Amino acid sequence: MSDCKRLADYVDGGSVKNLLRSMIREASVNPPGGERACAEVVAKKLKSLGLEVEFVEKEQGRTNVVARLRGTQGSPVLLYNGHIDVVPAGNGWSRDPFSGKFVEGRLYGRGTADMKSGVASMVVAAEAIVKSGFKLKGDLLITAVADEETGSLKGTRYLIERGLKADMAVVSEPTDLRVEIAQKGILWAEITTRGRGSHASRPHLGVNAVEKMHTVISALHEIKLEGWNPLFDVPQPVLSVTTINGGTKINVIPDLCKIEIDRRLLPGETPEYALQQVKEAMKRAKTRDPTIDASVKVLEKWPSMEVTPDEPIVKSLVGVVEDRTGVKPKLFGKAAGTDASWLVRDAGIPTVLYGPGDPRFSHTPDEYVELEKVTEAARVFAILAGDVLGVD
């Protein structure tokens, strides 16, 4: 790693700031989606460095950037992946969420933490490698993708369908510069109970769908959630009822009630297993009240993932961070869903999570990232590429 350390010297903090501000100012909000303008900002920078760059779209305007810095030997291949779509700004901002305002070392705006800062740090790492004159032996592949916030079907998953391949990968999701080797999975589902409406003064003539849902929710809370993984801040699996909607008017017995549930899966659990638990709970509710008419619909499934600490990409990243900080980093897991799960499960690419954003500020008003952390991530990514790909 000794020669590779010098790559950090070529990381330009001003370049990080300018690129990230330009990306923030292109409001690639998803939904509805429309990443093209932000993708063009990223692509222009990468093309200026001499990388091979192409746009890949499953739908018009849902643009993915795929760029390659070719090495002298073409192997191994290291993938740097990050998404450029962002959630809607929402309310509560004290400044324009798409201004890229810079105040006292912080860049503000929707997507600063989650996760345009991660993409910017990876791009500037490539810039540092090019400017250094070092020649990588393996290929560095950079993908700035669309649609992660609503399922990745037009982003990373589409690239995998088209044959995306690499020997190892880093996804620059917000980890606050922590090394994360696992990620919880997700099952989102909607449960509906059906009744029969009547005047509330004559409830015996109707069937109250809200009361039927109460029985279903009680059964859901009886699901035995087992498992423990110390990598996660919340080390156990969890199930939460997060929305409820029923009834039409205060004096009408409700004929319909719907809830949505959020189930977070530990590595080793599958969405299919979690769904079966939900269905069994609904059966228990119906045993207690045979008049219950209920159904479940899956809204989203996101697999969990975990790689071992012995994976070469993990060991290399740990080594780079330890060399930079003087302390061997602890390994963690991420509670939220990311594209790492698709890369591991569907593409078979060992993947680690590392990025400059603080996850506590993801999707929040006045979202921000510390510029020095983005710059440090770029240094780490530059050194890491040299370390795992080799240099001539």
Protein backbone atom coordinates (compact mmCIF):
# COMPACT_ATOMS: atom_id res chain seq x y z
CA MET A 1 0.00 0.00 0.00
CA SER A 2 3.00 2.31 0.45
CA ASP A 3 2.99 3.68 -3.11
CA CYS A 4 -0.81 3.88 -3.16
CA LYS A 5 -0.83 6.19 -0.14
CA ARG A 6 0.48 8.95 -2.37
CA LEU A 7 -2.77 8.92 -4.34
CA ALA A 8 -4.43 10.77 -1.44
CA ASP A 9 -2.20 13.76 -2.16
CA TYR A 10 -3.91 14.28 -5.51
CA VAL A 11 -7.43 14.61 -4.08
CA ASP A 12 -8.61 18.20 -4.50
CA GLY A 13 -11.10 19.41 -1.89
CA GLY A 14 -12.17 22.23 -4.18
CA SER A 15 -13.00 19.74 -6.90
CA VAL A 16 -15.09 17.75 -4.41
CA LYS A 17 -17.01 20.87 -3.41
CA ASN A 18 -17.66 22.08 -6.94
CA LEU A 19 -18.79 18.71 -8.24
CA LEU A 20 -21.10 18.02 -5.32
CA ARG A 21 -22.69 21.49 -5.47
CA SER A 22 -23.35 21.02 -9.19
CA MET A 23 -24.97 17.65 -8.50
CA ILE A 24 -27.16 19.01 -5.70
CA ARG A 25 -28.43 21.81 -7.93
CA GLU A 26 -29.86 19.23 -10.33
CA ALA A 27 -32.98 18.14 -8.44
CA SER A 28 -33.14 14.45 -9.40
CA VAL A 29 -36.18 13.80 -7.19
CA ASN A 30 -37.62 10.28 -7.15
CA PRO A 31 -40.55 9.94 -7.37
CA PRO A 32 -41.26 10.94 -10.07
CA GLY A 33 -37.69 10.39 -11.24
CA GLY A 34 -35.59 12.20 -13.78
CA GLU A 35 -31.87 11.70 -13.19
CA ARG A 36 -30.65 12.79 -16.62
CA ALA A 37 -29.44 16.30 -15.71
CA CYS A 38 -27.50 15.10 -12.67
CA ALA A 39 -26.11 12.18 -14.68
CA GLU A 40 -24.80 14.64 -17.26
CA VAL A 41 -22.92 16.54 -14.53
CA VAL A 42 -21.23 13.31 -13.41
CA ALA A 43 -20.57 12.12 -16.95
CA LYS A 44 -19.02 15.43 -18.02
CA LYS A 45 -16.54 15.23 -15.16
CA LEU A 46 -15.62 11.62 -15.88
CA LYS A 47 -15.25 12.25 -19.62
CA SER A 48 -12.91 15.16 -18.89
CA LEU A 49 -10.67 12.68 -17.06
CA GLY A 50 -10.50 10.37 -20.03
CA LEU A 51 -12.72 7.58 -18.72
CA GLU A 52 -14.93 5.59 -21.07
CA VAL A 53 -18.45 6.80 -20.29
CA GLU A 54 -21.90 5.70 -21.44
CA PHE A 55 -25.50 6.45 -20.49
CA VAL A 56 -27.75 3.45 -19.87
CA GLU A 57 -31.52 3.95 -19.60
CA LYS A 58 -34.36 1.54 -19.05
CA GLU A 59 -36.76 4.45 -19.46
CA GLN A 60 -36.13 7.84 -21.01
CA GLY A 61 -34.70 10.23 -18.44
CA ARG A 62 -33.97 7.50 -15.88
CA THR A 63 -30.27 7.72 -16.61
CA ASN A 64 -27.43 5.60 -15.28
CA VAL A 65 -23.80 6.58 -15.82
CA VAL A 66 -21.40 3.69 -16.44
CA ALA A 67 -17.75 4.72 -16.60
CA ARG A 68 -14.54 2.70 -16.80
CA LEU A 69 -10.95 3.65 -16.07
CA ARG A 70 -9.11 0.91 -17.90
CA GLY A 71 -6.07 -0.65 -16.31
CA THR A 72 -3.01 -2.08 -17.99
CA GLN A 73 -4.13 -5.67 -17.37
CA GLY A 74 -7.92 -5.33 -17.14
CA SER A 75 -8.21 -7.51 -14.07
CA PRO A 76 -9.39 -7.50 -11.35
CA VAL A 77 -12.36 -5.14 -11.67
CA LEU A 78 -13.37 -2.90 -8.78
CA LEU A 79 -16.85 -1.38 -8.88
CA TYR A 80 -17.68 1.93 -7.19
CA ASN A 81 -21.48 2.32 -7.06
CA GLY A 82 -23.77 5.08 -5.84
CA HIS A 83 -27.21 6.46 -6.64
CA ILE A 84 -27.99 9.97 -7.83
CA ASP A 85 -31.75 10.01 -7.25
CA VAL A 86 -33.03 11.66 -4.07
CA VAL A 87 -36.27 11.66 -2.09
CA PRO A 88 -38.59 14.70 -2.31
CA ALA A 89 -37.40 17.68 -0.29
CA GLY A 90 -40.51 17.87 1.90
CA ASN A 91 -41.18 20.68 4.38
CA GLY A 92 -39.22 22.25 7.22
CA TRP A 93 -36.19 23.56 5.33
CA SER A 94 -34.54 26.80 6.43
CA ARG A 95 -32.82 27.20 3.04
CA ASP A 96 -33.35 26.19 -0.58
CA PRO A 97 -32.95 22.39 -0.63
CA PHE A 98 -31.38 22.48 -4.09
CA SER A 99 -29.02 25.43 -3.72
CA GLY A 100 -25.94 23.53 -2.55
CA LYS A 101 -25.39 26.21 0.10
CA PHE A 102 -21.97 26.01 1.76
CA VAL A 103 -21.80 27.23 5.38
CA GLU A 104 -18.98 26.67 7.88
CA GLY A 105 -17.65 23.52 6.26
CA ARG A 106 -21.06 22.00 5.54
CA LEU A 107 -22.82 21.56 2.21
CA TYR A 108 -26.61 21.72 2.54
CA GLY A 109 -29.21 20.27 0.22
CA ARG A 110 -31.36 17.27 -0.58
CA GLY A 111 -29.04 14.39 -1.39
CA THR A 112 -25.93 15.77 0.28
CA ALA A 113 -25.80 12.92 2.79
CA ASP A 114 -27.87 10.38 0.87
CA MET A 115 -25.94 10.04 -1.30
CA LYS A 116 -24.58 12.38 -3.92
CA SER A 117 -21.63 13.04 -1.61
CA GLY A 118 -20.67 9.38 -1.94
CA VAL A 119 -20.82 9.56 -5.73
CA ALA A 120 -18.79 12.78 -5.76
CA SER A 121 -16.09 11.22 -3.58
CA MET A 122 -15.78 8.24 -5.92
CA VAL A 123 -15.54 10.47 -9.00
CA VAL A 124 -12.89 12.68 -7.41
CA ALA A 125 -10.96 9.56 -6.39
CA ALA A 126 -10.80 8.66 -10.08
CA GLU A 127 -9.64 12.21 -10.80
CA ALA A 128 -6.83 11.82 -8.26
CA ILE A 129 -5.69 8.57 -9.86
CA VAL A 130 -5.61 10.11 -13.33
CA LYS A 131 -3.78 13.24 -12.17
CA SER A 132 -1.20 11.21 -10.24
CA GLY A 133 0.08 9.49 -13.35
CA PHE A 134 -0.23 6.11 -11.64
CA LYS A 135 -1.48 3.37 -13.96
CA LEU A 136 -3.87 0.88 -12.41
CA LYS A 137 -3.44 -2.75 -13.40
CA GLY A 138 -7.11 -3.67 -12.97
CA ASP A 139 -10.15 -1.73 -14.15
CA LEU A 140 -12.01 0.78 -12.01
CA LEU A 141 -15.72 0.76 -12.87
CA ILE A 142 -17.94 3.62 -11.62
CA THR A 143 -21.74 3.50 -11.79
CA ALA A 144 -23.86 6.51 -10.81
CA VAL A 145 -27.32 5.01 -10.87
CA ALA A 146 -30.99 5.96 -10.97
CA ASP A 147 -34.03 4.75 -9.05
CA GLU A 148 -32.51 3.41 -5.84
CA GLU A 149 -35.04 5.25 -3.69
CA THR A 150 -37.97 3.37 -5.25
CA GLY A 151 -36.57 -0.12 -5.76
CA SER A 152 -33.62 0.10 -8.20
CA LEU A 153 -35.53 -1.53 -11.07
CA LYS A 154 -34.33 1.18 -13.45
CA GLY A 155 -30.91 1.48 -11.82
CA THR A 156 -28.53 -1.09 -10.38
CA ARG A 157 -30.90 -4.01 -10.91
CA TYR A 158 -31.23 -3.06 -14.58
CA LEU A 159 -27.45 -2.86 -14.96
CA ILE A 160 -27.16 -6.33 -13.42
CA GLU A 161 -29.77 -7.64 -15.89
CA ARG A 162 -27.60 -6.23 -18.68
CA GLY A 163 -24.56 -8.12 -17.40
CA LEU A 164 -22.83 -5.83 -14.90
CA LYS A 165 -19.78 -7.70 -13.59
CA ALA A 166 -16.98 -6.96 -11.15
CA ASP A 167 -14.76 -8.84 -8.73
CA MET A 168 -15.59 -6.62 -5.76
CA ALA A 169 -17.57 -3.47 -5.02
CA VAL A 170 -18.04 -0.53 -2.69
CA VAL A 171 -21.39 1.25 -2.39
CA SER A 172 -20.85 4.77 -1.05
CA GLU A 173 -24.08 5.00 0.96
CA PRO A 174 -24.00 7.24 4.05
CA THR A 175 -22.06 5.35 6.74
CA ASP A 176 -20.35 8.37 8.36
CA LEU A 177 -17.04 6.83 7.27
CA ARG A 178 -17.83 3.55 9.06
CA VAL A 179 -17.08 0.24 7.34
CA GLU A 180 -20.33 -1.72 6.96
CA ILE A 181 -20.35 -5.33 5.78
CA ALA A 182 -24.03 -6.21 6.26
CA GLN A 183 -27.44 -4.78 5.55
CA LYS A 184 -30.92 -5.61 6.76
CA GLY A 185 -33.53 -6.70 4.26
CA ILE A 186 -37.04 -5.36 3.92
CA LEU A 187 -40.56 -6.66 3.48
CA TRP A 188 -43.22 -4.01 2.94
CA ALA A 189 -46.77 -5.31 2.84
CA GLU A 190 -50.32 -4.01 2.87
CA ILE A 191 -53.05 -5.84 4.78
CA THR A 192 -56.71 -5.16 4.04
CA THR A 193 -59.75 -6.12 6.12
CA ARG A 194 -63.22 -5.89 4.60
CA GLY A 195 -66.52 -5.39 6.41
CA ARG A 196 -69.98 -4.07 5.69
CA GLY A 197 -71.08 -0.50 6.16
CA SER A 198 -74.06 0.60 8.19
CA HIS A 199 -75.27 3.59 10.19
CA ALA A 200 -73.21 3.88 13.37
CA SER A 201 -76.43 3.98 15.39
CA ARG A 202 -77.10 0.42 14.16
CA PRO A 203 -73.67 -1.23 14.26
CA HIS A 204 -75.25 -4.70 14.45
CA LEU A 205 -76.34 -4.28 10.82
CA GLY A 206 -72.76 -3.84 9.64
CA VAL A 207 -69.33 -5.47 10.01
CA ASN A 208 -66.67 -3.14 11.39
CA ALA A 209 -63.49 -3.53 9.28
CA VAL A 210 -61.44 -1.45 11.76
CA GLU A 211 -62.32 -3.76 14.63
CA LYS A 212 -61.42 -6.77 12.48
CA MET A 213 -58.06 -5.13 11.78
CA HIS A 214 -57.50 -4.75 15.52
CA THR A 215 -57.57 -8.53 15.82
CA VAL A 216 -55.14 -8.87 12.91
CA ILE A 217 -52.71 -6.35 14.41
CA SER A 218 -52.79 -8.19 17.75
CA ALA A 219 -51.85 -11.40 15.93
CA LEU A 220 -49.02 -9.63 14.08
CA HIS A 221 -47.55 -8.51 17.41
CA GLU A 222 -47.43 -12.15 18.48
CA ILE A 223 -45.02 -13.11 15.69
CA LYS A 224 -41.88 -14.52 17.26
CA LEU A 225 -38.99 -12.52 15.82
CA GLU A 226 -35.79 -14.44 16.44
CA GLY A 227 -32.16 -13.69 15.75
CA TRP A 228 -29.40 -11.35 16.84
CA ASN A 229 -26.62 -9.74 14.84
CA PRO A 230 -24.22 -7.48 16.76
CA LEU A 231 -23.16 -5.63 13.58
CA PHE A 232 -26.39 -3.62 13.71
CA ASP A 233 -27.34 -0.76 16.02
CA VAL A 234 -30.70 -2.55 16.35
CA PRO A 235 -29.40 -6.13 16.43
CA GLN A 236 -32.73 -7.96 16.24
CA PRO A 237 -35.35 -8.25 13.47
CA VAL A 238 -38.30 -5.88 13.82
CA LEU A 239 -41.87 -5.53 12.56
CA SER A 240 -43.79 -2.26 12.70
CA VAL A 241 -47.32 -1.25 11.67
CA THR A 242 -46.54 2.11 10.09
CA THR A 243 -49.79 3.33 8.47
CA ILE A 244 -53.50 2.72 9.00
CA ASN A 245 -56.47 3.94 7.00
CA GLY A 246 -60.13 3.04 7.46
CA GLY A 247 -63.61 4.45 7.50
CA THR A 248 -65.33 7.22 5.60
CA LYS A 249 -67.27 9.23 8.20
CA ILE A 250 -67.67 9.35 11.95
CA ASN A 251 -71.24 8.04 11.90
CA VAL A 252 -70.65 5.20 9.42
CA ILE A 253 -69.45 1.71 10.35
CA PRO A 254 -66.28 1.27 8.25
CA ASP A 255 -66.42 -1.33 5.50
CA LEU A 256 -62.68 -1.22 4.72
CA CYS A 257 -59.44 -0.85 6.65
CA LYS A 258 -55.85 -0.99 5.43
CA ILE A 259 -52.52 -1.06 7.21
CA GLU A 260 -48.94 -1.11 5.96
CA ILE A 261 -46.22 -3.02 7.74
CA ASP A 262 -42.46 -2.60 7.66
CA ARG A 263 -40.48 -5.74 8.47
CA ARG A 264 -36.69 -5.49 8.76
CA LEU A 265 -34.83 -8.74 8.12
CA LEU A 266 -31.53 -9.89 9.55
CA PRO A 267 -29.05 -11.55 7.18
CA GLY A 268 -30.22 -15.12 6.85
CA GLU A 269 -33.90 -14.16 6.84
CA THR A 270 -35.69 -13.85 3.51
CA PRO A 271 -38.68 -11.70 2.51
CA GLU A 272 -40.51 -14.93 1.68
CA TYR A 273 -39.98 -16.23 5.22
CA ALA A 274 -41.22 -12.96 6.69
CA LEU A 275 -44.29 -13.01 4.44
CA GLN A 276 -45.11 -16.53 5.59
CA GLN A 277 -44.97 -15.33 9.21
CA VAL A 278 -47.46 -12.59 8.35
CA LYS A 279 -49.81 -15.04 6.65
CA GLU A 280 -49.67 -17.38 9.64
CA ALA A 281 -50.55 -14.47 11.94
CA MET A 282 -53.56 -13.68 9.77
CA LYS A 283 -54.65 -17.32 10.03
CA ARG A 284 -54.45 -17.08 13.83
CA ALA A 285 -56.62 -13.95 13.73
CA LYS A 286 -59.21 -15.74 11.60
CA THR A 287 -59.22 -18.68 14.02
CA ARG A 288 -60.19 -16.26 16.78
CA ASP A 289 -62.79 -14.54 14.62
CA PRO A 290 -63.96 -16.62 11.64
CA THR A 291 -65.84 -13.60 10.23
CA ILE A 292 -62.57 -11.80 9.40
CA ASP A 293 -62.14 -11.18 5.66
CA ALA A 294 -58.49 -10.18 5.21
CA SER A 295 -55.85 -10.26 2.49
CA VAL A 296 -52.18 -9.29 2.19
CA LYS A 297 -50.33 -7.69 -0.74
CA VAL A 298 -46.54 -7.37 -1.00
CA LEU A 299 -45.46 -3.81 -1.79
CA GLU A 300 -41.68 -4.27 -1.82
CA LYS A 301 -39.11 -6.97 -1.11
CA TRP A 302 -35.47 -6.13 -0.50
CA PRO A 303 -33.02 -8.92 0.41
CA SER A 304 -30.58 -8.69 3.29
CA MET A 305 -26.87 -9.15 2.73
CA GLU A 306 -23.69 -9.87 4.67
CA VAL A 307 -20.13 -10.54 3.58
CA THR A 308 -17.37 -11.93 5.77
CA PRO A 309 -14.56 -9.84 7.25
CA ASP A 310 -12.15 -12.05 5.28
CA GLU A 311 -13.33 -10.80 1.90
CA PRO A 312 -10.39 -9.10 0.13
CA ILE A 313 -12.35 -5.86 -0.39
CA VAL A 314 -13.21 -5.72 3.33
CA LYS A 315 -9.65 -6.42 4.43
CA SER A 316 -8.27 -3.82 2.02
CA LEU A 317 -10.75 -1.13 3.07
CA VAL A 318 -10.12 -1.85 6.75
CA GLY A 319 -6.40 -1.57 6.10
CA VAL A 320 -6.72 1.77 4.28
CA VAL A 321 -8.95 3.27 6.98
CA GLU A 322 -6.67 2.00 9.75
CA ASP A 323 -3.67 3.53 8.03
CA ARG A 324 -5.50 6.84 7.65
CA THR A 325 -6.83 7.02 11.22
CA GLY A 326 -4.34 4.99 13.24
CA VAL A 327 -7.17 2.84 14.61
CA LYS A 328 -8.48 -0.44 13.22
CA PRO A 329 -12.12 0.26 12.38
CA LYS A 330 -14.96 -1.75 13.85
CA LEU A 331 -17.31 -3.40 11.40
CA PHE A 332 -21.00 -2.50 11.32
CA GLY A 333 -24.26 -3.26 9.52
CA LYS A 334 -26.78 -0.90 7.89
CA ALA A 335 -30.44 -0.93 8.88
CA ALA A 336 -31.70 0.56 5.61
CA GLY A 337 -31.91 -1.09 2.19
CA THR A 338 -29.22 -0.33 -0.40
CA ASP A 339 -28.03 -1.53 -3.78
CA ALA A 340 -25.40 -3.64 -2.04
CA SER A 341 -28.00 -6.38 -1.56
CA TRP A 342 -28.63 -6.67 -5.32
CA LEU A 343 -24.91 -6.66 -6.09
CA VAL A 344 -24.29 -9.48 -3.60
CA ARG A 345 -27.35 -11.62 -4.28
CA ASP A 346 -28.01 -11.12 -7.98
CA ALA A 347 -24.56 -10.31 -9.37
CA GLY A 348 -22.46 -12.34 -6.91
CA ILE A 349 -20.16 -9.37 -6.22
CA PRO A 350 -18.68 -9.15 -2.69
CA THR A 351 -19.68 -5.66 -1.58
CA VAL A 352 -18.91 -3.35 1.32
CA LEU A 353 -20.58 -0.07 2.32
CA TYR A 354 -18.52 3.05 3.02
CA GLY A 355 -19.41 6.69 2.48
CA PRO A 356 -19.09 10.22 3.87
CA GLY A 357 -22.73 11.03 4.61
CA ASP A 358 -24.17 10.75 8.10
CA PRO A 359 -27.24 8.46 7.95
CA ARG A 360 -28.92 10.46 10.72
CA PHE A 361 -29.41 13.30 8.23
CA SER A 362 -30.75 11.19 5.35
CA HIS A 363 -34.23 12.27 4.19
CA THR A 364 -34.37 15.09 6.76
CA PRO A 365 -34.96 18.87 6.41
CA ASP A 366 -31.70 20.82 6.16
CA GLU A 367 -29.84 17.67 5.13
CA TYR A 368 -26.10 18.31 4.99
CA VAL A 369 -22.69 16.71 4.72
CA GLU A 370 -19.33 17.86 6.05
CA LEU A 371 -17.06 18.69 3.13
CA GLU A 372 -13.97 17.34 4.89
CA LYS A 373 -15.63 13.92 5.24
CA VAL A 374 -16.41 13.85 1.52
CA THR A 375 -12.80 14.76 0.77
CA GLU A 376 -11.52 12.10 3.15
CA ALA A 377 -13.75 9.50 1.51
CA ALA A 378 -12.26 10.46 -1.86
CA ARG A 379 -8.77 9.93 -0.44
CA VAL A 380 -9.76 6.52 0.89
CA PHE A 381 -11.34 5.53 -2.43
CA ALA A 382 -8.26 6.61 -4.38
CA ILE A 383 -5.90 4.60 -2.15
CA LEU A 384 -8.27 1.62 -2.06
CA ALA A 385 -8.44 1.44 -5.86
CA GLY A 386 -4.67 1.42 -6.06
CA ASP A 387 -4.41 -1.18 -3.31
CA VAL A 388 -6.85 -3.75 -4.69
CA LEU A 389 -6.22 -3.18 -8.40
CA GLY A 390 -2.48 -2.75 -8.22
CA VAL A 391 -0.40 -0.04 -9.88
CA ASP A 392 2.37 0.05 -12.45
